[in-house]
Amino acid sequence: MKIAGEYSFANGAEVVKNQYAGLFDEIRDAISKIDAEAHRTKVSKEVTMTNKMLFSPSGLNKTFKELLEPLGWNHHTEVCEYSTDYYINGFEPAPTSKRRPFRDMDFVKQRLGVEVQFGKYAFMVYNVAAKMTIFRNFGIIDAGVEIVPIKEFADHMSTGVSYFEQFCWDLEKRGVSNIDTPVLILGITAD
């Protein structure tokens, strides 16, 4: 695979390339080693693409993990302790399941966070506009990299997968806030 686009959110390109140059090299190297065609394994059941072979997001994510974890990139999870202070009128929540709620980040190394997103649009926006800031506030990261498909690549995945061009447009129109974390957004595609 290769990087086809870069978008600097809240000075993300400058921060990542200057303060995390070695880590950015590891990310770029991992992307270049992935054979996207090896992940064209998903048989579409969608009416508009019946039986068409699509790229598998789960396969691509697994390969990122296989390439980055040996280099010291670790998955990071924060357990959520939800407050009951905001309930009103004497409401008491019922006991919840044994599984505790959490937020996680795909990869973290030396305070740089990485999210690989081949999902719906809302997840891309959430990663950059909320999750990266939350993890910075926890003292886990100082900057981030978001890896997403460009439209041409997303067109060969299930319908509804968001893409780099849409994401950049929305972030440009949203603007940057003083609480935002520097994030370099990479648009990737098959070779």
N, C-alpha and C. Protein backbone atom coordinates (compact mmCIF):
# COMPACT_ATOMS: atom_id res chain seq x y z
N MET A 1 0.85 -1.17 0.00
CA MET A 1 0.00 0.00 0.00
C MET A 1 0.90 1.23 0.00
N LYS A 2 0.28 2.36 -0.25
CA LYS A 2 1.06 3.60 -0.24
C LYS A 2 0.22 4.75 0.31
N ILE A 3 0.91 5.77 0.76
CA ILE A 3 0.26 6.99 1.23
C ILE A 3 -0.03 7.84 0.01
N ALA A 4 -1.31 8.21 -0.16
CA ALA A 4 -1.72 9.01 -1.30
C ALA A 4 -2.09 10.43 -0.90
N GLY A 5 -2.25 10.69 0.40
CA GLY A 5 -2.61 12.02 0.85
C GLY A 5 -2.24 12.24 2.31
N GLU A 6 -1.97 13.50 2.63
CA GLU A 6 -1.68 13.90 4.01
C GLU A 6 -2.49 15.15 4.33
N TYR A 7 -3.09 15.17 5.51
CA TYR A 7 -3.81 16.35 5.98
C TYR A 7 -3.34 16.65 7.40
N SER A 8 -2.93 17.87 7.62
CA SER A 8 -2.43 18.29 8.91
C SER A 8 -3.54 18.97 9.70
N PHE A 9 -3.98 18.32 10.77
CA PHE A 9 -5.01 18.89 11.64
C PHE A 9 -4.34 19.41 12.89
N ALA A 10 -4.57 20.66 13.22
CA ALA A 10 -3.99 21.30 14.42
C ALA A 10 -2.46 21.16 14.42
N ASN A 11 -1.85 21.42 13.25
CA ASN A 11 -0.39 21.33 13.07
C ASN A 11 0.15 19.92 13.24
N GLY A 12 -0.69 18.93 12.97
CA GLY A 12 -0.29 17.53 13.16
C GLY A 12 0.90 17.12 12.32
N ALA A 13 0.96 17.55 11.05
CA ALA A 13 2.08 17.16 10.19
C ALA A 13 3.40 17.67 10.75
N GLU A 14 3.41 18.92 11.16
CA GLU A 14 4.63 19.52 11.69
C GLU A 14 5.07 18.81 12.96
N VAL A 15 4.14 18.55 13.86
CA VAL A 15 4.47 17.90 15.14
C VAL A 15 4.96 16.48 14.90
N VAL A 16 4.22 15.71 14.12
CA VAL A 16 4.60 14.31 13.90
C VAL A 16 5.93 14.21 13.17
N LYS A 17 6.11 14.98 12.10
CA LYS A 17 7.33 14.87 11.31
C LYS A 17 8.56 15.43 12.01
N ASN A 18 8.37 16.41 12.89
CA ASN A 18 9.51 17.00 13.59
C ASN A 18 9.83 16.30 14.91
N GLN A 19 8.81 16.00 15.71
CA GLN A 19 9.03 15.42 17.03
C GLN A 19 9.03 13.90 17.04
N TYR A 20 8.47 13.28 16.01
CA TYR A 20 8.34 11.82 15.97
C TYR A 20 8.82 11.27 14.63
N ALA A 21 9.86 11.84 14.09
CA ALA A 21 10.33 11.46 12.75
C ALA A 21 10.61 9.96 12.64
N GLY A 22 11.28 9.39 13.62
CA GLY A 22 11.59 7.95 13.58
C GLY A 22 10.33 7.10 13.64
N LEU A 23 9.38 7.50 14.46
CA LEU A 23 8.12 6.76 14.56
C LEU A 23 7.30 6.90 13.28
N PHE A 24 7.34 8.09 12.69
CA PHE A 24 6.64 8.29 11.43
C PHE A 24 7.25 7.41 10.34
N ASP A 25 8.57 7.24 10.36
CA ASP A 25 9.22 6.32 9.41
C ASP A 25 8.70 4.89 9.60
N GLU A 26 8.51 4.47 10.85
CA GLU A 26 8.00 3.13 11.12
C GLU A 26 6.58 2.95 10.56
N ILE A 27 5.77 3.98 10.72
CA ILE A 27 4.39 3.94 10.21
C ILE A 27 4.40 3.86 8.69
N ARG A 28 5.18 4.72 8.05
CA ARG A 28 5.26 4.71 6.58
C ARG A 28 5.80 3.38 6.07
N ASP A 29 6.78 2.84 6.75
CA ASP A 29 7.36 1.56 6.35
C ASP A 29 6.31 0.44 6.46
N ALA A 30 5.54 0.44 7.54
CA ALA A 30 4.50 -0.57 7.71
C ALA A 30 3.47 -0.48 6.58
N ILE A 31 3.05 0.73 6.26
CA ILE A 31 2.07 0.91 5.17
C ILE A 31 2.63 0.35 3.87
N SER A 32 3.89 0.65 3.58
CA SER A 32 4.50 0.22 2.31
C SER A 32 4.65 -1.30 2.22
N LYS A 33 4.68 -1.98 3.34
CA LYS A 33 4.85 -3.44 3.34
C LYS A 33 3.54 -4.21 3.17
N ILE A 34 2.42 -3.52 3.26
CA ILE A 34 1.14 -4.23 3.18
C ILE A 34 0.73 -4.41 1.72
N ASP A 35 0.47 -5.65 1.37
CA ASP A 35 -0.02 -6.00 0.04
C ASP A 35 -1.55 -5.97 0.11
N ALA A 36 -2.14 -4.88 -0.33
CA ALA A 36 -3.59 -4.71 -0.23
C ALA A 36 -4.33 -5.82 -0.96
N GLU A 37 -3.83 -6.23 -2.11
CA GLU A 37 -4.52 -7.26 -2.89
C GLU A 37 -4.66 -8.57 -2.11
N ALA A 38 -3.73 -8.85 -1.22
CA ALA A 38 -3.83 -10.05 -0.40
C ALA A 38 -5.03 -9.98 0.55
N HIS A 39 -5.58 -8.79 0.71
CA HIS A 39 -6.73 -8.59 1.61
C HIS A 39 -8.03 -8.36 0.85
N ARG A 40 -8.03 -8.64 -0.44
CA ARG A 40 -9.28 -8.56 -1.21
C ARG A 40 -9.95 -9.94 -1.06
N THR A 41 -10.47 -10.18 0.13
CA THR A 41 -10.97 -11.50 0.50
C THR A 41 -12.43 -11.51 0.93
N LYS A 42 -13.04 -10.37 0.99
CA LYS A 42 -14.42 -10.28 1.47
C LYS A 42 -15.39 -10.36 0.30
N VAL A 43 -16.26 -11.36 0.32
CA VAL A 43 -17.27 -11.51 -0.72
C VAL A 43 -18.49 -10.69 -0.32
N SER A 44 -18.83 -9.71 -1.15
CA SER A 44 -19.93 -8.81 -0.84
C SER A 44 -21.27 -9.52 -0.93
N LYS A 45 -22.12 -9.24 0.05
CA LYS A 45 -23.50 -9.73 0.05
C LYS A 45 -24.46 -8.57 -0.16
N GLU A 46 -23.90 -7.39 -0.42
CA GLU A 46 -24.73 -6.20 -0.61
C GLU A 46 -25.40 -6.25 -1.98
N VAL A 47 -26.61 -5.78 -2.04
CA VAL A 47 -27.40 -5.83 -3.28
C VAL A 47 -26.69 -5.14 -4.43
N THR A 48 -26.05 -4.03 -4.15
CA THR A 48 -25.41 -3.26 -5.23
C THR A 48 -24.06 -3.84 -5.66
N MET A 49 -23.51 -4.80 -4.88
CA MET A 49 -22.20 -5.38 -5.21
C MET A 49 -22.18 -6.88 -4.98
N THR A 50 -23.26 -7.57 -5.21
CA THR A 50 -23.35 -8.99 -4.91
C THR A 50 -22.19 -9.77 -5.52
N ASN A 51 -21.54 -10.56 -4.66
CA ASN A 51 -20.43 -11.45 -5.00
C ASN A 51 -19.15 -10.74 -5.46
N LYS A 52 -19.10 -9.44 -5.39
CA LYS A 52 -17.87 -8.71 -5.74
C LYS A 52 -16.85 -8.91 -4.62
N MET A 53 -15.61 -9.09 -5.00
CA MET A 53 -14.53 -9.25 -4.01
C MET A 53 -14.09 -7.86 -3.52
N LEU A 54 -14.17 -7.68 -2.20
CA LEU A 54 -13.84 -6.39 -1.57
C LEU A 54 -12.63 -6.55 -0.65
N PHE A 55 -12.01 -5.42 -0.34
CA PHE A 55 -10.93 -5.43 0.65
C PHE A 55 -11.52 -5.67 2.03
N SER A 56 -10.83 -6.44 2.83
CA SER A 56 -11.27 -6.78 4.17
C SER A 56 -10.65 -5.83 5.20
N PRO A 57 -11.46 -4.95 5.81
CA PRO A 57 -10.90 -4.07 6.84
C PRO A 57 -10.27 -4.84 8.01
N SER A 58 -10.89 -5.94 8.42
CA SER A 58 -10.33 -6.68 9.56
C SER A 58 -8.99 -7.30 9.19
N GLY A 59 -8.85 -7.77 7.96
CA GLY A 59 -7.56 -8.31 7.52
C GLY A 59 -6.49 -7.24 7.45
N LEU A 60 -6.85 -6.07 6.95
CA LEU A 60 -5.89 -4.96 6.90
C LEU A 60 -5.48 -4.53 8.30
N ASN A 61 -6.45 -4.43 9.21
CA ASN A 61 -6.14 -4.06 10.59
C ASN A 61 -5.21 -5.08 11.24
N LYS A 62 -5.45 -6.35 11.01
CA LYS A 62 -4.61 -7.42 11.57
C LYS A 62 -3.18 -7.28 11.08
N THR A 63 -3.02 -6.95 9.80
CA THR A 63 -1.67 -6.82 9.25
C THR A 63 -0.95 -5.61 9.84
N PHE A 64 -1.66 -4.50 10.04
CA PHE A 64 -1.04 -3.36 10.73
C PHE A 64 -0.52 -3.81 12.10
N LYS A 65 -1.33 -4.55 12.81
CA LYS A 65 -0.94 -5.04 14.14
C LYS A 65 0.30 -5.93 14.05
N GLU A 66 0.32 -6.83 13.09
CA GLU A 66 1.46 -7.74 12.92
C GLU A 66 2.75 -6.99 12.59
N LEU A 67 2.63 -5.87 11.91
CA LEU A 67 3.82 -5.10 11.53
C LEU A 67 4.26 -4.12 12.62
N LEU A 68 3.33 -3.53 13.35
CA LEU A 68 3.69 -2.49 14.32
C LEU A 68 3.99 -3.02 15.72
N GLU A 69 3.27 -4.04 16.16
CA GLU A 69 3.51 -4.53 17.53
C GLU A 69 4.94 -4.99 17.78
N PRO A 70 5.59 -5.70 16.85
CA PRO A 70 6.98 -6.10 17.09
C PRO A 70 7.94 -4.91 17.24
N LEU A 71 7.52 -3.73 16.77
CA LEU A 71 8.35 -2.53 16.88
C LEU A 71 8.07 -1.77 18.18
N GLY A 72 7.22 -2.32 19.04
CA GLY A 72 6.93 -1.67 20.31
C GLY A 72 5.69 -0.82 20.33
N TRP A 73 4.90 -0.87 19.28
CA TRP A 73 3.62 -0.16 19.26
C TRP A 73 2.60 -1.02 19.99
N ASN A 74 1.96 -0.46 21.01
CA ASN A 74 1.04 -1.23 21.83
C ASN A 74 -0.37 -0.68 21.78
N HIS A 75 -1.32 -1.59 21.84
CA HIS A 75 -2.73 -1.23 21.98
C HIS A 75 -2.90 -0.68 23.39
N HIS A 76 -3.72 0.36 23.54
CA HIS A 76 -3.91 0.95 24.87
C HIS A 76 -5.41 1.07 25.17
N THR A 77 -5.80 0.63 26.36
CA THR A 77 -7.19 0.67 26.78
C THR A 77 -7.33 1.45 28.08
N GLU A 78 -8.33 2.29 28.16
CA GLU A 78 -8.69 3.01 29.38
C GLU A 78 -10.10 2.58 29.77
N VAL A 79 -10.27 2.09 30.99
CA VAL A 79 -11.58 1.70 31.48
C VAL A 79 -12.35 2.97 31.83
N CYS A 80 -13.62 3.01 31.47
CA CYS A 80 -14.48 4.17 31.75
C CYS A 80 -15.23 3.95 33.06
N GLU A 81 -15.10 4.88 33.94
CA GLU A 81 -15.88 4.87 35.18
C GLU A 81 -16.95 5.93 35.01
N TYR A 82 -18.17 5.51 34.69
CA TYR A 82 -19.25 6.45 34.43
C TYR A 82 -19.84 6.98 35.73
N SER A 83 -20.04 8.27 35.77
CA SER A 83 -20.62 8.93 36.93
C SER A 83 -22.14 8.72 36.96
N THR A 84 -22.67 8.60 38.14
CA THR A 84 -24.13 8.56 38.31
C THR A 84 -24.64 9.90 38.84
N ASP A 85 -23.76 10.88 38.89
CA ASP A 85 -24.11 12.19 39.45
C ASP A 85 -25.14 12.96 38.62
N TYR A 86 -25.35 12.56 37.40
CA TYR A 86 -26.21 13.35 36.51
C TYR A 86 -27.63 12.81 36.38
N TYR A 87 -27.91 11.71 37.03
CA TYR A 87 -29.29 11.20 37.03
C TYR A 87 -30.17 12.12 37.87
N ILE A 88 -31.42 12.19 37.51
CA ILE A 88 -32.35 13.06 38.26
C ILE A 88 -33.57 12.28 38.72
N ASN A 89 -34.33 12.91 39.56
CA ASN A 89 -35.61 12.37 40.05
C ASN A 89 -35.46 11.00 40.71
N GLY A 90 -34.35 10.79 41.41
CA GLY A 90 -34.14 9.55 42.15
C GLY A 90 -33.85 8.32 41.31
N PHE A 91 -33.53 8.52 40.02
CA PHE A 91 -33.24 7.37 39.16
C PHE A 91 -32.00 6.64 39.64
N GLU A 92 -32.10 5.33 39.74
CA GLU A 92 -30.98 4.46 40.09
C GLU A 92 -30.79 3.47 38.95
N PRO A 93 -29.63 3.44 38.32
CA PRO A 93 -29.44 2.50 37.21
C PRO A 93 -29.38 1.06 37.71
N ALA A 94 -29.87 0.17 36.88
CA ALA A 94 -29.79 -1.26 37.19
C ALA A 94 -28.34 -1.70 37.06
N PRO A 95 -27.96 -2.74 37.78
CA PRO A 95 -26.58 -3.25 37.62
C PRO A 95 -26.33 -3.62 36.16
N THR A 96 -25.12 -3.31 35.69
CA THR A 96 -24.77 -3.56 34.30
C THR A 96 -24.06 -4.90 34.16
N SER A 97 -23.77 -5.24 32.94
CA SER A 97 -23.07 -6.50 32.67
C SER A 97 -21.68 -6.47 33.31
N LYS A 98 -21.06 -7.63 33.33
CA LYS A 98 -19.73 -7.75 33.94
C LYS A 98 -18.65 -7.08 33.09
N ARG A 99 -18.91 -6.88 31.80
CA ARG A 99 -17.94 -6.24 30.93
C ARG A 99 -17.93 -4.75 31.20
N ARG A 100 -16.77 -4.23 31.51
CA ARG A 100 -16.65 -2.82 31.84
C ARG A 100 -16.46 -2.00 30.57
N PRO A 101 -17.09 -0.82 30.51
CA PRO A 101 -16.93 0.03 29.33
C PRO A 101 -15.50 0.56 29.24
N PHE A 102 -15.05 0.82 28.01
CA PHE A 102 -13.68 1.27 27.82
C PHE A 102 -13.57 2.11 26.56
N ARG A 103 -12.45 2.82 26.45
CA ARG A 103 -12.02 3.48 25.23
C ARG A 103 -10.63 2.94 24.94
N ASP A 104 -10.34 2.74 23.66
CA ASP A 104 -9.03 2.20 23.34
C ASP A 104 -8.43 2.90 22.13
N MET A 105 -7.13 2.75 22.02
CA MET A 105 -6.39 3.31 20.89
C MET A 105 -5.62 2.16 20.26
N ASP A 106 -5.66 2.09 18.93
CA ASP A 106 -5.03 0.98 18.22
C ASP A 106 -3.57 0.80 18.60
N PHE A 107 -2.79 1.88 18.52
CA PHE A 107 -1.36 1.79 18.79
C PHE A 107 -0.87 3.05 19.49
N VAL A 108 0.03 2.86 20.46
CA VAL A 108 0.69 3.98 21.13
C VAL A 108 2.16 3.61 21.32
N LYS A 109 3.01 4.58 21.01
CA LYS A 109 4.44 4.41 21.26
C LYS A 109 5.04 5.80 21.51
N GLN A 110 5.75 5.94 22.61
CA GLN A 110 6.44 7.18 22.96
C GLN A 110 5.52 8.40 22.83
N ARG A 111 4.28 8.24 23.30
CA ARG A 111 3.28 9.31 23.38
C ARG A 111 2.73 9.76 22.02
N LEU A 112 2.91 8.89 21.01
CA LEU A 112 2.27 9.11 19.72
C LEU A 112 1.21 8.04 19.55
N GLY A 113 -0.02 8.45 19.30
CA GLY A 113 -1.12 7.51 19.11
C GLY A 113 -1.42 7.32 17.64
N VAL A 114 -1.83 6.10 17.28
CA VAL A 114 -2.19 5.79 15.90
C VAL A 114 -3.53 5.07 15.90
N GLU A 115 -4.42 5.54 15.04
CA GLU A 115 -5.69 4.88 14.80
C GLU A 115 -5.76 4.51 13.32
N VAL A 116 -6.12 3.26 13.04
CA VAL A 116 -6.33 2.79 11.68
C VAL A 116 -7.84 2.64 11.53
N GLN A 117 -8.44 3.38 10.61
CA GLN A 117 -9.90 3.42 10.54
C GLN A 117 -10.40 3.11 9.14
N PHE A 118 -11.06 1.97 9.02
CA PHE A 118 -11.71 1.58 7.77
C PHE A 118 -13.21 1.45 8.00
N GLY A 119 -13.74 2.25 8.90
CA GLY A 119 -15.14 2.15 9.27
C GLY A 119 -15.97 3.33 8.81
N LYS A 120 -17.06 3.51 9.48
CA LYS A 120 -18.00 4.57 9.16
C LYS A 120 -17.42 5.94 9.48
N TYR A 121 -17.97 6.94 8.83
CA TYR A 121 -17.51 8.32 8.98
C TYR A 121 -17.43 8.77 10.43
N ALA A 122 -18.47 8.45 11.21
CA ALA A 122 -18.53 8.93 12.60
C ALA A 122 -17.32 8.49 13.40
N PHE A 123 -16.76 7.33 13.10
CA PHE A 123 -15.60 6.86 13.85
C PHE A 123 -14.37 7.69 13.53
N MET A 124 -14.20 8.11 12.29
CA MET A 124 -13.06 8.96 11.94
C MET A 124 -13.12 10.28 12.69
N VAL A 125 -14.27 10.91 12.64
CA VAL A 125 -14.43 12.20 13.33
C VAL A 125 -14.25 12.03 14.83
N TYR A 126 -14.83 10.97 15.38
CA TYR A 126 -14.69 10.73 16.82
C TYR A 126 -13.21 10.56 17.19
N ASN A 127 -12.47 9.78 16.40
CA ASN A 127 -11.06 9.55 16.72
C ASN A 127 -10.29 10.85 16.85
N VAL A 128 -10.46 11.75 15.89
CA VAL A 128 -9.67 12.98 15.86
C VAL A 128 -10.25 14.06 16.78
N ALA A 129 -11.56 14.24 16.76
CA ALA A 129 -12.17 15.34 17.51
C ALA A 129 -12.44 15.02 18.98
N ALA A 130 -12.43 13.74 19.35
CA ALA A 130 -12.70 13.39 20.75
C ALA A 130 -11.65 12.45 21.33
N LYS A 131 -11.49 11.27 20.74
CA LYS A 131 -10.62 10.25 21.35
C LYS A 131 -9.19 10.73 21.52
N MET A 132 -8.62 11.36 20.50
CA MET A 132 -7.22 11.81 20.62
C MET A 132 -7.08 12.83 21.75
N THR A 133 -8.08 13.70 21.89
CA THR A 133 -8.04 14.70 22.97
C THR A 133 -8.19 14.02 24.33
N ILE A 134 -9.08 13.06 24.43
CA ILE A 134 -9.26 12.34 25.70
C ILE A 134 -7.96 11.64 26.10
N PHE A 135 -7.32 10.96 25.15
CA PHE A 135 -6.08 10.25 25.48
C PHE A 135 -4.94 11.22 25.78
N ARG A 136 -4.96 12.39 25.17
CA ARG A 136 -3.97 13.42 25.54
C ARG A 136 -4.24 13.90 26.95
N ASN A 137 -5.51 14.11 27.30
CA ASN A 137 -5.85 14.54 28.65
C ASN A 137 -5.48 13.50 29.70
N PHE A 138 -5.50 12.23 29.34
CA PHE A 138 -5.08 11.14 30.24
C PHE A 138 -3.55 11.07 30.36
N GLY A 139 -2.82 11.83 29.52
CA GLY A 139 -1.37 11.79 29.54
C GLY A 139 -0.79 10.60 28.79
N ILE A 140 -1.57 10.00 27.89
CA ILE A 140 -1.12 8.84 27.13
C ILE A 140 -0.42 9.25 25.84
N ILE A 141 -0.95 10.27 25.16
CA ILE A 141 -0.36 10.74 23.90
C ILE A 141 -0.21 12.26 23.93
N ASP A 142 0.62 12.75 23.04
CA ASP A 142 0.75 14.20 22.81
C ASP A 142 0.32 14.58 21.39
N ALA A 143 0.31 13.58 20.49
CA ALA A 143 -0.07 13.80 19.09
C ALA A 143 -0.56 12.47 18.54
N GLY A 144 -1.13 12.56 17.32
CA GLY A 144 -1.67 11.33 16.74
C GLY A 144 -1.53 11.26 15.24
N VAL A 145 -1.74 10.04 14.74
CA VAL A 145 -1.79 9.77 13.32
C VAL A 145 -3.07 8.96 13.08
N GLU A 146 -3.87 9.40 12.14
CA GLU A 146 -5.09 8.70 11.74
C GLU A 146 -4.88 8.18 10.33
N ILE A 147 -5.01 6.87 10.14
CA ILE A 147 -4.80 6.24 8.84
C ILE A 147 -6.16 5.82 8.28
N VAL A 148 -6.52 6.38 7.12
CA VAL A 148 -7.83 6.15 6.51
C VAL A 148 -7.67 5.91 5.01
N PRO A 149 -8.64 5.24 4.38
CA PRO A 149 -8.55 5.04 2.93
C PRO A 149 -8.91 6.30 2.16
N ILE A 150 -8.30 6.48 0.99
CA ILE A 150 -8.78 7.51 0.08
C ILE A 150 -10.04 6.96 -0.59
N LYS A 151 -10.80 7.83 -1.25
CA LYS A 151 -12.09 7.40 -1.83
C LYS A 151 -11.92 6.24 -2.80
N GLU A 152 -10.93 6.32 -3.66
CA GLU A 152 -10.71 5.26 -4.65
C GLU A 152 -10.54 3.89 -3.99
N PHE A 153 -9.89 3.85 -2.84
CA PHE A 153 -9.67 2.60 -2.09
C PHE A 153 -10.96 2.20 -1.36
N ALA A 154 -11.62 3.16 -0.73
CA ALA A 154 -12.86 2.89 0.00
C ALA A 154 -13.95 2.37 -0.93
N ASP A 155 -13.91 2.76 -2.19
CA ASP A 155 -14.91 2.28 -3.16
C ASP A 155 -14.83 0.76 -3.36
N HIS A 156 -13.75 0.15 -2.92
CA HIS A 156 -13.59 -1.31 -3.04
C HIS A 156 -13.71 -1.99 -1.69
N MET A 157 -14.45 -1.33 -0.79
CA MET A 157 -14.79 -1.90 0.52
C MET A 157 -16.31 -1.87 0.63
N SER A 158 -16.83 -2.36 1.74
CA SER A 158 -18.28 -2.34 1.93
C SER A 158 -18.80 -0.91 1.84
N THR A 159 -20.08 -0.76 1.47
CA THR A 159 -20.67 0.57 1.40
C THR A 159 -20.67 1.20 2.78
N GLY A 160 -20.53 2.49 2.81
CA GLY A 160 -20.56 3.21 4.07
C GLY A 160 -19.20 3.48 4.68
N VAL A 161 -18.13 2.88 4.12
CA VAL A 161 -16.79 3.16 4.63
C VAL A 161 -16.45 4.60 4.24
N SER A 162 -16.02 5.36 5.19
CA SER A 162 -15.69 6.74 4.91
C SER A 162 -14.30 6.84 4.30
N TYR A 163 -13.93 8.06 3.91
CA TYR A 163 -12.68 8.21 3.19
C TYR A 163 -12.04 9.57 3.46
N PHE A 164 -10.75 9.60 3.13
CA PHE A 164 -9.87 10.73 3.38
C PHE A 164 -10.43 12.06 2.89
N GLU A 165 -10.88 12.13 1.64
CA GLU A 165 -11.31 13.39 1.06
C GLU A 165 -12.49 13.99 1.83
N GLN A 166 -13.46 13.17 2.17
CA GLN A 166 -14.63 13.63 2.94
C GLN A 166 -14.20 14.09 4.33
N PHE A 167 -13.33 13.32 4.94
CA PHE A 167 -12.84 13.60 6.28
C PHE A 167 -12.11 14.94 6.32
N CYS A 168 -11.22 15.18 5.35
CA CYS A 168 -10.48 16.45 5.29
C CYS A 168 -11.42 17.62 5.10
N TRP A 169 -12.40 17.48 4.22
CA TRP A 169 -13.35 18.56 3.97
C TRP A 169 -14.09 18.92 5.26
N ASP A 170 -14.56 17.90 5.95
CA ASP A 170 -15.30 18.16 7.19
C ASP A 170 -14.42 18.81 8.25
N LEU A 171 -13.19 18.35 8.39
CA LEU A 171 -12.30 18.95 9.39
C LEU A 171 -11.97 20.40 9.02
N GLU A 172 -11.78 20.67 7.73
CA GLU A 172 -11.54 22.06 7.31
C GLU A 172 -12.73 22.94 7.66
N LYS A 173 -13.93 22.46 7.42
CA LYS A 173 -15.13 23.26 7.70
C LYS A 173 -15.39 23.36 9.20
N ARG A 174 -15.00 22.34 9.96
CA ARG A 174 -15.15 22.38 11.42
C ARG A 174 -14.22 23.41 12.03
N GLY A 175 -12.99 23.45 11.56
CA GLY A 175 -11.98 24.33 12.14
C GLY A 175 -11.29 23.65 13.30
N VAL A 176 -10.31 24.35 13.86
CA VAL A 176 -9.50 23.82 14.95
C VAL A 176 -9.86 24.57 16.23
N SER A 177 -9.95 23.82 17.31
CA SER A 177 -10.24 24.40 18.62
C SER A 177 -8.97 24.36 19.48
N ASN A 178 -8.94 25.16 20.51
CA ASN A 178 -7.77 25.18 21.39
C ASN A 178 -7.61 23.89 22.19
N ILE A 179 -8.60 23.01 22.19
CA ILE A 179 -8.46 21.73 22.90
C ILE A 179 -8.04 20.59 21.98
N ASP A 180 -7.96 20.84 20.67
CA ASP A 180 -7.65 19.77 19.73
C ASP A 180 -6.19 19.32 19.83
N THR A 181 -6.00 18.05 19.54
CA THR A 181 -4.69 17.42 19.55
C THR A 181 -4.11 17.47 18.13
N PRO A 182 -2.81 17.71 17.99
CA PRO A 182 -2.20 17.66 16.65
C PRO A 182 -2.30 16.25 16.08
N VAL A 183 -2.90 16.13 14.89
CA VAL A 183 -3.08 14.83 14.25
C VAL A 183 -2.69 14.95 12.78
N LEU A 184 -1.88 14.01 12.33
CA LEU A 184 -1.56 13.88 10.92
C LEU A 184 -2.47 12.80 10.35
N ILE A 185 -3.28 13.15 9.37
CA ILE A 185 -4.20 12.19 8.76
C ILE A 185 -3.56 11.72 7.46
N LEU A 186 -3.44 10.41 7.35
CA LEU A 186 -2.85 9.80 6.16
C LEU A 186 -3.92 9.10 5.36
N GLY A 187 -4.05 9.47 4.08
CA GLY A 187 -4.96 8.79 3.16
C GLY A 187 -4.16 7.73 2.43
N ILE A 188 -4.58 6.47 2.56
CA ILE A 188 -3.83 5.38 1.95
C ILE A 188 -4.63 4.71 0.84
N THR A 189 -3.89 4.02 -0.03
CA THR A 189 -4.53 3.28 -1.12
C THR A 189 -3.69 2.06 -1.45
N ALA A 190 -4.28 1.15 -2.23
CA ALA A 190 -3.51 0.00 -2.73
C ALA A 190 -2.51 0.54 -3.74
N ASP A 191 -1.41 -0.18 -3.92
CA ASP A 191 -0.39 0.25 -4.90
C ASP A 191 -0.95 0.32 -6.29
